[in-house]
Every structure is written in structure tokens, then in C-alpha cells.
Protein backbone atom coordinates (compact mmCIF):
# COMPACT_ATOMS: atom_id res chain seq x y z
CA MET A 1 -57.41 51.67 -0.57
CA ARG A 2 -60.58 53.76 -0.59
CA SER A 3 -62.16 56.03 -3.14
CA PRO A 4 -63.73 59.22 -1.74
CA ARG A 5 -67.04 58.16 -3.27
CA THR A 6 -67.06 54.38 -2.88
CA LYS A 7 -66.37 52.13 0.08
CA LEU A 8 -64.27 49.15 -0.90
CA LYS A 9 -64.76 45.66 0.51
CA SER A 10 -62.54 43.53 -1.65
CA LYS A 11 -59.06 42.03 -1.89
CA MET A 12 -57.84 42.46 -5.44
CA ALA A 13 -54.72 43.18 -7.44
CA PRO A 14 -54.23 47.01 -7.41
CA THR A 15 -54.25 47.47 -11.19
CA ALA A 16 -57.41 45.43 -11.70
CA LEU A 17 -59.03 47.08 -8.72
CA VAL A 18 -58.40 50.62 -9.97
CA SER A 19 -59.84 49.77 -13.37
CA LEU A 20 -62.96 48.23 -11.88
CA VAL A 21 -63.56 51.04 -9.41
CA LEU A 22 -63.15 53.67 -12.14
CA PHE A 23 -65.58 51.80 -14.31
CA CYS A 24 -68.16 51.53 -11.53
CA LEU A 25 -67.84 55.20 -10.59
CA SER A 26 -68.13 56.45 -14.15
CA ASN A 27 -71.26 54.49 -15.06
CA VAL A 28 -74.61 54.44 -13.30
CA LEU A 29 -75.63 50.80 -13.32
CA ILE A 30 -78.96 49.28 -12.37
CA THR A 31 -79.42 48.02 -8.86
CA CYS A 32 -80.40 44.41 -8.36
CA SER A 33 -81.85 42.69 -5.38
CA GLY A 34 -82.04 41.51 -1.87
CA SER A 35 -80.77 38.78 0.35
CA GLY A 36 -80.94 35.16 1.21
CA GLY A 37 -82.96 32.35 -0.31
CA THR A 38 -85.98 30.26 0.52
CA GLY A 39 -84.57 29.06 3.83
CA ALA A 40 -85.83 25.53 3.28
CA GLU A 41 -84.75 22.62 1.16
CA THR A 42 -86.52 22.85 -2.17
CA GLY A 43 -86.81 20.21 -4.86
CA ILE A 44 -85.67 21.70 -8.17
CA ARG A 45 -85.32 19.92 -11.50
CA MET A 46 -83.63 21.35 -14.58
CA LYS A 47 -83.18 19.98 -18.07
CA LEU A 48 -79.62 20.41 -19.29
CA THR A 49 -78.67 20.89 -22.94
CA HIS A 50 -75.11 20.48 -24.16
CA VAL A 51 -73.86 23.78 -25.59
CA ASP A 52 -72.90 22.18 -28.90
CA ALA A 53 -76.49 21.04 -29.45
CA LYS A 54 -77.16 24.62 -30.57
CA GLY A 55 -74.78 24.25 -33.50
CA SER A 56 -74.46 21.74 -36.32
CA TYR A 57 -71.11 20.45 -35.08
CA THR A 58 -69.75 17.06 -36.04
CA ALA A 59 -68.45 14.72 -33.34
CA GLU A 60 -64.89 15.64 -34.32
CA GLU A 61 -65.62 19.37 -34.07
CA ARG A 62 -67.15 18.88 -30.63
CA VAL A 63 -64.00 17.12 -29.43
CA ARG A 64 -61.72 19.86 -30.73
CA ARG A 65 -63.88 22.51 -29.08
CA ALA A 66 -63.71 20.54 -25.83
CA VAL A 67 -59.92 20.27 -26.07
CA ALA A 68 -59.63 24.03 -26.57
CA ALA A 69 -61.95 24.73 -23.63
CA SER A 70 -60.09 22.31 -21.36
CA ARG A 71 -56.74 23.85 -22.20
CA GLN A 72 -58.09 27.35 -21.52
CA ARG A 73 -59.24 26.22 -18.08
CA LEU A 74 -55.89 24.57 -17.37
CA ALA A 75 -54.07 27.77 -18.32
CA SER A 76 -56.18 29.79 -15.90
CA MET A 77 -55.59 27.22 -13.14
CA ARG A 78 -51.84 27.40 -13.66
CA ALA A 79 -51.89 31.19 -13.58
CA THR A 80 -53.42 31.25 -10.09
CA SER A 81 -51.78 28.27 -8.42
CA GLY A 82 -48.63 30.02 -7.26
CA GLY A 83 -47.94 32.18 -4.26
CA GLY A 84 -47.59 35.92 -4.03
CA GLY A 85 -50.01 38.51 -2.75
CA VAL A 86 -52.70 38.38 -5.44
CA SER A 87 -56.04 36.76 -4.68
CA ALA A 88 -56.78 33.68 -6.78
CA LEU A 89 -59.71 33.74 -9.18
CA VAL A 90 -62.56 31.33 -9.71
CA HIS A 91 -61.73 29.55 -12.95
CA TRP A 92 -64.27 29.42 -15.70
CA ALA A 93 -63.36 28.49 -19.24
CA THR A 94 -66.04 27.16 -21.56
CA ARG A 95 -68.94 25.67 -19.66
CA GLN A 96 -70.66 22.77 -21.29
CA TYR A 97 -74.27 22.43 -20.14
CA ILE A 98 -77.07 25.01 -20.31
CA ALA A 99 -80.31 25.16 -18.29
CA GLU A 100 -83.30 27.34 -19.12
CA TYR A 101 -85.29 29.08 -16.37
CA LEU A 102 -87.72 31.96 -15.77
CA VAL A 103 -86.99 34.99 -13.60
CA GLY A 104 -89.21 37.87 -12.46
CA ASP A 105 -92.92 38.73 -12.47
CA PRO A 106 -94.07 38.59 -15.20
CA PRO A 107 -91.49 35.89 -15.96
CA GLN A 108 -88.63 36.50 -18.38
CA ARG A 109 -86.75 33.62 -20.04
CA ALA A 110 -83.05 33.14 -19.38
CA GLU A 111 -80.43 30.47 -20.03
CA ALA A 112 -77.48 29.70 -17.77
CA LEU A 113 -74.34 27.62 -17.95
CA ILE A 114 -74.16 25.16 -15.02
CA ASP A 115 -70.96 25.16 -12.99
CA THR A 116 -69.99 23.18 -9.87
CA GLY A 117 -66.74 25.19 -9.75
CA SER A 118 -68.24 28.60 -8.86
CA ASP A 119 -70.96 30.07 -6.66
CA LEU A 120 -72.68 33.17 -8.02
CA ILE A 121 -75.90 33.10 -10.07
CA TRP A 122 -75.91 35.92 -12.63
CA THR A 123 -77.53 37.04 -15.84
CA GLN A 124 -76.80 39.84 -18.26
CA SER A 125 -79.31 42.68 -17.99
CA THR A 126 -80.68 45.63 -19.96
CA ALA A 127 -78.30 47.83 -17.96
CA CYS A 128 -75.56 46.62 -20.31
CA LEU A 129 -74.14 49.58 -22.14
CA ARG A 130 -73.64 49.29 -25.88
CA LYS A 131 -71.12 46.60 -26.80
CA VAL A 132 -70.00 45.93 -23.21
CA CYS A 133 -71.96 42.68 -22.76
CA ALA A 134 -71.74 39.39 -24.60
CA ARG A 135 -74.17 38.32 -27.29
CA GLN A 136 -76.95 36.04 -26.05
CA ASP A 137 -79.81 34.21 -27.72
CA LEU A 138 -82.56 35.60 -25.45
CA PRO A 139 -83.33 39.23 -24.55
CA TYR A 140 -81.38 40.72 -21.64
CA PHE A 141 -83.13 40.58 -18.26
CA ASN A 142 -85.09 43.78 -17.56
CA ALA A 143 -85.21 44.34 -13.80
CA SER A 144 -87.48 47.37 -14.08
CA ALA A 145 -90.11 45.22 -15.80
CA SER A 146 -90.27 42.74 -12.90
CA GLY A 147 -92.67 43.54 -10.08
CA SER A 148 -90.90 41.07 -7.76
CA PHE A 149 -87.41 42.48 -8.25
CA ALA A 150 -85.67 44.25 -5.35
CA PRO A 151 -82.14 45.62 -4.90
CA VAL A 152 -79.70 44.18 -2.38
CA PRO A 153 -78.39 46.84 0.04
CA CYS A 154 -74.65 47.08 0.45
CA ARG A 155 -74.87 46.12 4.13
CA ASP A 156 -76.92 43.01 3.40
CA ARG A 157 -75.38 39.60 4.13
CA ALA A 158 -75.86 38.61 0.49
CA CYS A 159 -73.58 41.46 -0.56
CA ALA A 160 -70.89 40.41 1.90
CA ALA A 161 -71.19 36.81 0.67
CA ASN A 162 -69.72 37.74 -2.72
CA TYR A 163 -65.95 37.75 -2.41
CA ARG A 164 -65.50 41.01 -4.34
CA HIS A 165 -68.06 43.73 -3.74
CA LEU A 166 -68.31 47.51 -3.45
CA CYS A 167 -70.89 49.91 -2.08
CA ALA A 168 -72.60 51.88 -4.85
CA LEU A 169 -73.52 55.55 -4.47
CA ASP A 170 -77.19 54.67 -3.96
CA GLY A 171 -76.39 52.15 -1.22
CA GLY A 172 -76.73 49.15 -3.50
CA CYS A 173 -74.27 46.26 -3.81
CA THR A 174 -71.90 46.24 -6.76
CA PHE A 175 -70.28 42.86 -7.40
CA VAL A 176 -67.29 41.73 -9.41
CA ALA A 177 -66.86 38.11 -10.52
CA SER A 178 -63.66 36.99 -12.26
CA TYR A 179 -63.13 33.76 -14.20
CA GLY A 180 -60.55 32.18 -16.47
CA ALA A 181 -62.47 33.52 -19.47
CA GLY A 182 -62.83 37.08 -18.14
CA SER A 183 -64.87 39.14 -15.69
CA VAL A 184 -68.39 40.47 -15.13
CA ILE A 185 -69.58 43.48 -13.11
CA GLY A 186 -73.08 44.40 -11.98
CA PHE A 187 -75.42 44.77 -9.03
CA LEU A 188 -76.91 42.16 -6.74
CA GLY A 189 -80.66 41.76 -6.49
CA THR A 190 -83.34 39.24 -5.57
CA ASP A 191 -86.21 37.94 -7.66
CA ALA A 192 -88.42 34.91 -8.21
CA PHE A 193 -86.89 32.03 -10.19
CA ALA A 194 -88.88 29.17 -11.75
CA PHE A 195 -87.22 26.06 -13.15
CA GLN A 196 -88.44 23.00 -15.07
CA SER A 197 -89.99 22.01 -11.75
CA GLY A 198 -89.57 23.91 -8.51
CA SER A 199 -89.11 27.61 -7.76
CA ALA A 200 -87.22 29.84 -5.32
CA ALA A 201 -86.53 33.46 -4.43
CA LEU A 202 -82.83 33.95 -5.08
CA ALA A 203 -80.13 36.59 -4.80
CA PHE A 204 -78.37 36.95 -8.13
CA GLY A 205 -76.19 39.27 -10.14
CA CYS A 206 -77.63 41.64 -12.74
CA VAL A 207 -74.67 42.08 -15.05
CA SER A 208 -74.05 45.42 -16.74
CA PHE A 209 -70.50 44.85 -17.96
CA THR A 210 -69.13 41.61 -19.45
CA ARG A 211 -65.60 41.11 -20.68
CA VAL A 212 -65.07 37.45 -21.51
CA THR A 213 -63.46 35.45 -24.28
CA PRO A 214 -65.67 35.73 -27.40
CA GLY A 215 -68.06 32.80 -27.57
CA ALA A 216 -67.45 31.73 -23.95
CA LEU A 217 -71.14 32.08 -23.04
CA HIS A 218 -72.34 30.12 -26.08
CA GLY A 219 -75.30 32.49 -26.35
CA ALA A 220 -76.40 31.84 -22.75
CA SER A 221 -77.57 34.67 -20.52
CA GLY A 222 -75.27 33.91 -17.59
CA LEU A 223 -74.17 31.32 -15.06
CA ILE A 224 -75.66 29.21 -12.24
CA GLY A 225 -73.05 28.33 -9.64
CA LEU A 226 -73.42 25.07 -7.71
CA GLY A 227 -70.33 25.46 -5.52
CA ARG A 228 -70.06 25.47 -1.74
CA GLY A 229 -70.36 29.26 -1.31
CA ARG A 230 -73.33 31.08 0.26
CA LEU A 231 -74.61 32.51 -3.04
CA SER A 232 -74.75 29.24 -4.98
CA LEU A 233 -78.09 27.73 -5.98
CA VAL A 234 -77.45 24.84 -3.59
CA SER A 235 -76.77 27.06 -0.58
CA GLN A 236 -79.54 29.59 -1.22
CA THR A 237 -82.25 26.97 -1.50
CA GLY A 238 -81.07 25.29 1.69
CA ALA A 239 -80.49 22.08 -0.26
CA THR A 240 -78.39 19.41 1.40
CA ARG A 241 -77.67 17.55 -1.84
CA PHE A 242 -77.85 17.72 -5.63
CA SER A 243 -77.37 15.27 -8.48
CA TYR A 244 -76.97 15.22 -12.23
CA CYS A 245 -76.67 12.67 -15.01
CA LEU A 246 -75.01 13.63 -18.30
CA THR A 247 -76.02 11.96 -21.55
CA PRO A 248 -73.18 10.99 -23.94
CA TYR A 249 -71.58 13.67 -26.10
CA PHE A 250 -72.14 11.83 -29.36
CA HIS A 251 -74.89 9.22 -29.03
CA ASN A 252 -77.72 10.73 -26.99
CA ASP A 253 -80.46 10.60 -29.68
CA GLY A 254 -81.59 14.05 -28.63
CA ALA A 255 -82.10 13.06 -24.98
CA SER A 256 -81.49 15.74 -22.36
CA SER A 257 -79.37 15.57 -19.24
CA HIS A 258 -80.92 16.56 -15.91
CA LEU A 259 -79.86 18.37 -12.75
CA LEU A 260 -81.80 17.89 -9.51
CA VAL A 261 -81.29 20.09 -6.45
CA GLY A 262 -82.69 19.37 -3.00
CA ALA A 263 -85.33 16.79 -2.15
CA ALA A 264 -85.47 15.42 -5.70
CA ALA A 265 -81.76 14.48 -5.77
CA SER A 266 -81.12 10.77 -5.23
CA LEU A 267 -79.64 7.69 -6.89
CA GLY A 268 -81.46 4.52 -7.92
CA GLY A 269 -82.51 2.52 -10.91
CA GLY A 270 -78.98 2.13 -12.27
CA GLY A 271 -75.93 0.09 -11.34
CA PRO A 272 -74.51 -0.42 -7.85
CA VAL A 273 -73.91 2.77 -5.88
CA THR A 274 -70.32 3.63 -4.97
CA SER A 275 -69.58 6.27 -2.31
CA MET A 276 -66.63 8.10 -0.81
CA PRO A 277 -66.09 11.08 1.51
CA PHE A 278 -65.23 14.47 0.06
CA VAL A 279 -61.81 15.82 0.92
CA GLU A 280 -62.35 18.81 3.20
CA SER A 281 -62.17 22.01 1.17
CA PRO A 282 -59.88 24.83 2.35
CA LYS A 283 -61.46 27.91 3.92
CA ASP A 284 -59.68 30.20 1.45
CA PHE A 285 -61.54 31.47 -1.62
CA PRO A 286 -61.78 30.18 -4.36
CA PHE A 287 -60.57 26.81 -3.11
CA SER A 288 -63.45 26.81 -0.62
CA THR A 289 -65.87 26.61 -3.55
CA PHE A 290 -64.63 23.35 -5.07
CA TYR A 291 -65.63 19.73 -4.44
CA TYR A 292 -62.44 17.72 -3.83
CA LEU A 293 -62.29 13.92 -4.13
CA PRO A 294 -59.84 11.45 -2.49
CA LEU A 295 -58.24 10.01 -5.65
CA GLU A 296 -55.40 7.65 -4.67
CA GLY A 297 -54.38 5.74 -7.77
CA ILE A 298 -55.11 4.62 -11.34
CA THR A 299 -55.15 1.22 -13.04
CA VAL A 300 -55.00 0.75 -16.82
CA GLY A 301 -56.06 -2.72 -17.92
CA ASP A 302 -54.37 -4.97 -15.39
CA THR A 303 -51.56 -2.56 -14.52
CA LYS A 304 -51.58 -0.36 -11.43
CA LEU A 305 -49.67 2.80 -12.35
CA PRO A 306 -46.56 3.80 -10.33
CA ILE A 307 -47.97 7.15 -9.21
CA PRO A 308 -46.45 8.79 -6.11
CA SER A 309 -48.83 8.87 -3.16
CA SER A 310 -48.43 12.65 -3.00
CA ALA A 311 -49.54 13.25 -6.62
CA PHE A 312 -53.16 13.92 -5.66
CA ASP A 313 -52.63 15.56 -2.27
CA LEU A 314 -54.20 18.95 -1.56
CA ARG A 315 -51.58 21.08 0.18
CA GLN A 316 -51.14 24.67 1.29
CA VAL A 317 -48.25 26.44 -0.45
CA ASP A 318 -48.66 29.94 0.97
CA LYS A 319 -51.13 31.89 3.06
CA GLY A 320 -54.43 31.73 1.19
CA TYR A 321 -53.01 29.50 -1.58
CA TRP A 322 -53.43 25.79 -2.15
CA ALA A 323 -52.05 23.44 -4.78
CA GLY A 324 -52.84 19.92 -5.93
CA GLY A 325 -55.99 18.07 -5.04
CA VAL A 326 -58.59 16.50 -7.32
CA ILE A 327 -61.75 18.43 -8.27
CA ILE A 328 -64.94 16.93 -9.70
CA ASP A 329 -66.20 19.55 -12.14
CA SER A 330 -69.29 19.83 -14.34
CA GLY A 331 -67.71 22.66 -16.29
CA SER A 332 -64.39 21.21 -17.47
CA PRO A 333 -64.88 19.16 -20.64
CA PHE A 334 -61.93 16.75 -20.34
CA THR A 335 -60.15 15.32 -17.33
CA SER A 336 -56.67 16.65 -16.62
CA LEU A 337 -54.15 14.93 -14.37
CA ALA A 338 -51.23 16.34 -12.45
CA GLU A 339 -47.94 15.73 -14.22
CA ALA A 340 -46.88 13.03 -11.75
CA ALA A 341 -49.98 11.01 -12.68
CA TYR A 342 -50.35 11.91 -16.35
CA GLU A 343 -46.88 10.79 -17.41
CA PRO A 344 -47.21 7.22 -15.99
CA LEU A 345 -50.66 6.96 -17.62
CA ARG A 346 -49.40 8.11 -21.00
CA ASP A 347 -46.33 5.84 -20.87
CA GLU A 348 -48.28 2.75 -19.81
CA LEU A 349 -50.93 3.22 -22.49
CA ALA A 350 -48.24 3.79 -25.09
CA GLY A 351 -46.71 0.45 -24.13
CA GLN A 352 -50.00 -1.44 -24.09
CA LEU A 353 -51.16 0.05 -27.41
CA ASN A 354 -47.76 -0.01 -29.09
CA GLY A 355 -48.78 -1.80 -32.28
CA SER A 356 -52.09 0.05 -32.56
CA LEU A 357 -50.92 3.66 -32.14
CA VAL A 358 -51.19 6.10 -35.02
CA ALA A 359 -49.85 9.62 -35.34
CA PRO A 360 -52.11 12.28 -33.77
CA PRO A 361 -53.55 14.85 -36.19
CA ALA A 362 -51.15 17.78 -36.37
CA ASP A 363 -53.56 20.31 -34.87
CA SER A 364 -55.18 18.09 -32.21
CA GLY A 365 -52.77 18.76 -29.37
CA LEU A 366 -53.39 15.22 -28.08
CA ALA A 367 -50.74 12.64 -27.25
CA LEU A 368 -52.04 9.11 -27.94
CA CYS A 369 -54.26 8.05 -30.83
CA VAL A 370 -55.51 4.87 -32.49
CA THR A 371 -57.62 4.12 -35.52
CA ARG A 372 -61.16 5.18 -34.69
CA GLY A 373 -62.69 1.78 -35.37
CA ASP A 374 -60.19 0.05 -33.05
CA VAL A 375 -61.02 1.92 -29.83
CA ASP A 376 -63.36 -0.63 -28.27
CA ARG A 377 -61.11 -3.51 -29.37
CA VAL A 378 -57.69 -2.32 -28.22
CA VAL A 379 -58.14 0.39 -25.57
CA PRO A 380 -58.27 -0.99 -21.99
CA THR A 381 -60.63 0.10 -19.24
CA LEU A 382 -59.22 2.79 -16.95
CA VAL A 383 -60.05 2.63 -13.24
CA LEU A 384 -59.80 5.55 -10.82
CA HIS A 385 -59.17 4.36 -7.26
CA PHE A 386 -60.56 6.57 -4.49
CA GLY A 387 -60.23 6.43 -0.72
CA GLY A 388 -62.27 3.84 1.13
CA GLY A 389 -62.03 1.30 -1.68
CA ALA A 390 -64.27 3.21 -4.13
CA ASP A 391 -63.46 2.56 -7.79
CA MET A 392 -64.72 4.40 -10.88
CA ALA A 393 -64.28 2.34 -14.06
CA LEU A 394 -64.10 4.33 -17.30
CA PRO A 395 -64.78 2.34 -20.48
CA PRO A 396 -62.84 3.39 -23.61
CA GLY A 397 -65.71 5.62 -24.78
CA ASN A 398 -65.42 7.69 -21.60
CA TYR A 399 -61.80 8.64 -22.07
CA TRP A 400 -61.11 8.32 -25.83
CA ALA A 401 -62.80 10.55 -28.40
CA PRO A 402 -62.89 10.96 -32.21
CA VAL A 403 -60.78 13.84 -33.55
CA ASP A 404 -61.28 13.21 -37.27
CA LYS A 405 -62.98 10.69 -39.54
CA SER A 406 -60.34 8.01 -38.99
CA THR A 407 -58.66 8.78 -35.64
CA ALA A 408 -59.61 8.73 -31.96
CA CYS A 409 -57.36 10.01 -29.17
CA MET A 410 -57.08 9.85 -25.40
CA ALA A 411 -59.29 12.61 -23.95
CA ILE A 412 -57.20 13.15 -20.81
CA LEU A 413 -54.83 16.10 -20.67
CA GLU A 414 -51.71 16.89 -18.71
CA GLY A 415 -52.45 19.41 -16.00
CA TYR A 416 -50.14 21.33 -13.72
CA GLU A 417 -50.29 20.28 -10.06
CA GLN A 418 -54.07 20.06 -9.82
CA SER A 419 -56.23 17.27 -11.27
CA ILE A 420 -59.78 17.77 -12.57
CA ILE A 421 -62.34 15.08 -13.40
CA GLY A 422 -64.18 16.60 -16.35
CA ASN A 423 -67.67 16.04 -17.69
CA PHE A 424 -66.59 13.86 -20.66
CA GLN A 425 -65.47 11.25 -18.14
CA GLN A 426 -68.82 11.64 -16.31
CA GLN A 427 -71.00 10.54 -19.25
CA ASN A 428 -73.75 8.07 -18.36
CA MET A 429 -72.92 8.31 -14.66
CA HIS A 430 -75.48 9.48 -12.14
CA LEU A 431 -73.61 11.62 -9.61
CA LEU A 432 -74.88 12.61 -6.16
CA PHE A 433 -73.27 15.41 -4.13
CA ASP A 434 -74.37 14.95 -0.52
CA VAL A 435 -73.15 18.31 0.72
CA ALA A 436 -74.54 17.99 4.24
CA GLY A 437 -73.29 14.43 4.67
CA GLY A 438 -69.90 15.19 3.14
CA ARG A 439 -70.07 12.31 0.66
CA PHE A 440 -69.91 11.87 -3.11
CA SER A 441 -71.72 8.90 -4.68
CA PHE A 442 -72.14 7.64 -8.23
CA GLN A 443 -73.56 4.81 -10.28
CA THR A 444 -73.46 3.89 -13.95
CA ALA A 445 -76.79 4.73 -15.59
CA ASP A 446 -78.52 5.34 -18.88
CA CYS A 447 -78.91 9.07 -18.36
CA SER A 448 -81.32 9.41 -21.29
CA THR A 449 -83.97 7.49 -19.31
CA LEU A 450 -83.84 9.50 -16.06
């Protein structure tokens, strides 16, 4: 399919494609910049702030918001897990951690949601037409005010690196990025980025049209992708590894979490380090973006759950489509387990907690609950068993959460065929993604002290 005015380089559903092409042809959008990154491994450090820190939410309200966000992500995963001829989307529901950075010369402030489940870096810009971009707390990025800003030509490798792109009338690169919460459209460009420590010249998206679920950005300017693709922050800086450590949702005393990319990323100063190989990611987008882990089983207390060995397998179901697998994700609030694993977990916990269970609040959407003050006394430790003998032990506070003043519930949801290890289960764990070495490592840590 080709418009007489625009060359198309994208595989999309026809209806969505027509709408996007018509939009791009009917509006003159700003052109953003160039190609590539620094070409060398750069040490970058960013302070991460939980999105709910911006509001005066109670612990119970935070949990309910996390449940809603997790279910939205699961719904988008289910919608794209089947076969057919439609390209799957990168799934983005409500991201949980925000980093502040500077972009341009002179520098302009921006805030981005951090996501290991996508690649593109983008920020909303002053090219946004009235009411077509989301509300944000900081001013929109003004490319024309930056002396270091340059547009990315359509024939540039950076343009081709974005899965959906079109050639604009002026030869620039129009991009489309779709997520579970909606889509964004704009132009690619390059500019200078400065973080808490470290800087880089990066290709990024200047967004001029945003259609996402209201509130999905939490007032942030855009997104920083940490996935495996060529346009992610990790890939563009030439980093071989990155790490982060997330402070607890409810008891962090104002301490910030931190993300380190490149030379600064390492483990140490915490508990023993546990490592495992990543499962090889498929070549097909968006599955090629994700970080898959070799989860093999689960123990609750002293009981190893009767989970089929195939429950966590990543398998191809059609050309370009994959199902199952286990993703480690900074952007999903709660862990979700494939049905074949979730049901044995729920049933075993129900048996072990029989006398302590209380009815879940009517609007919580959660399955198992106990009296809030009893969590540490009655809830057993949950252990995730990974390939190579690697175990991740989750104390009660890492998989049970308060939903009202008197009740706490299991913060693990039933997924479809895919399992996701969410950020609530990653609290006070220092995680290292050794992308070049193909290994994932972690250790328990007091993240507030790192």
C-alpha cells in the first residue's frame, strides 16, 4: 500500500494504517533528529521517582492503582498474543517510575517513564496541535529552541530502526509507536541528553500527536525504552549492561530508586549474587524487545507447586507470533502468572491460609486476602525457581499488599499464557541486566542506600 505523496515502510493493520497516514499527510509536523548514539559505552545514572509520589495517595490507593494498571497491561497482552495477520504491538499500560533529564542546547527539562519492555525514547513537543497531546507537568520540548537539534532523514538507519515509520514530504522520518495504552506519532531527531550523571547524543521521537488512556503518562513528558532494540537507551549508548534498584512502594522514607546504564552498572554491597542466563528472545518484533527469564517452578512455604513443565515455555504459535515465556519488566506493577501456574499457586495458598483468609473487598478484583496485621505472621515465603539452580525468594511484603485499612491481598494476578515479573515483586532487589553476556543477576539490597 502506498500513498502518492508518502512512501510507506511499515507493517500495520490496514484500518489503523490508513488513519495514521491520513493524519500525517494532513498535518505538517516538526522534524526531529539524526542517527545513532555515542558509539561507546557510557556511564549514566538516573534517579527514579515512583509515579504515585507526585500525588497524596494512601498505601491502599497505590495498590488499587497498581492493580488497575496491571490488568490493563494484561488485557493488551491477551489482545496481541494470538495468530492472524496483524502485527503485534509493544505493550505499555501504566508505567511506574519516572526519571528527569535535560535535552537540547540550551537544556530543556523533561521527565520520562522508564520501561524495559519497549525501545523508543520519545518526548511530547511544541509541535503538538491543540488538545492532541497529553497533559504534562513540564513545558513541551521545543526543538526549534535547541541549537544542537537535528532532524533524522528518512533514509537514515535510525529511521529504519523504528518498526513503524514513514517518509515525510520534507524527507524527514515520521514514526508511529503503539502501546497497550494508545499510540504516539511524531518525527525522529537527535539532540544532546544530560542525566543525573552522564550524557549522550541520542536519537529520539518528538511527539506531535498523542492518543493514550487519560492519566497514563502521569504528567511525564514521554518514555525512555530500555529494551533490546536499536533505539533504546541501552543500545544507543553502546552499553553492555544496566541495573536498577527499586525502593519499597510504602516504606521508602522519601528515598529514591536509581537506574544505572553502562560502566556504572554493577552489583555489590548487598546479599549474595544470584545469576541465570536469559532465554533467547525471538527475532520478531515486539517479542525481540523483551528480556525473558528461565522460570521453571514455584515453591510456597515448603510445598513445590505441581506446575506443568510447559507452563513457562516460550513457543512460536504462528509466523511472527510467540506465546508464553516469562518477562522481567520494570513497567508492570504486579506479577502475573500464566493460568497453568496461577491456579496451583492460588489453590495451595488457600489451603495453607485456610483459617486466616478473609473476604476480599468487593471492588479489589483480588483473590486471596488476610487481615492486614497477620501478613508477616501467616503468609509463607514464595520462591521462584529459575534454570541453573537460581532461586528468588519473595518475602510476604513482596507479594502481598494492603487494599484497605484492615485487609491485605496477594499481589499476583492471573495472566493469559504469558507470565510477567512486575516491579512490586522487585522491591529492594538490585537487578543487573548483562545484555552482552546474556545473563540476569540479582541480590537483595536496601535500595534506599545505593
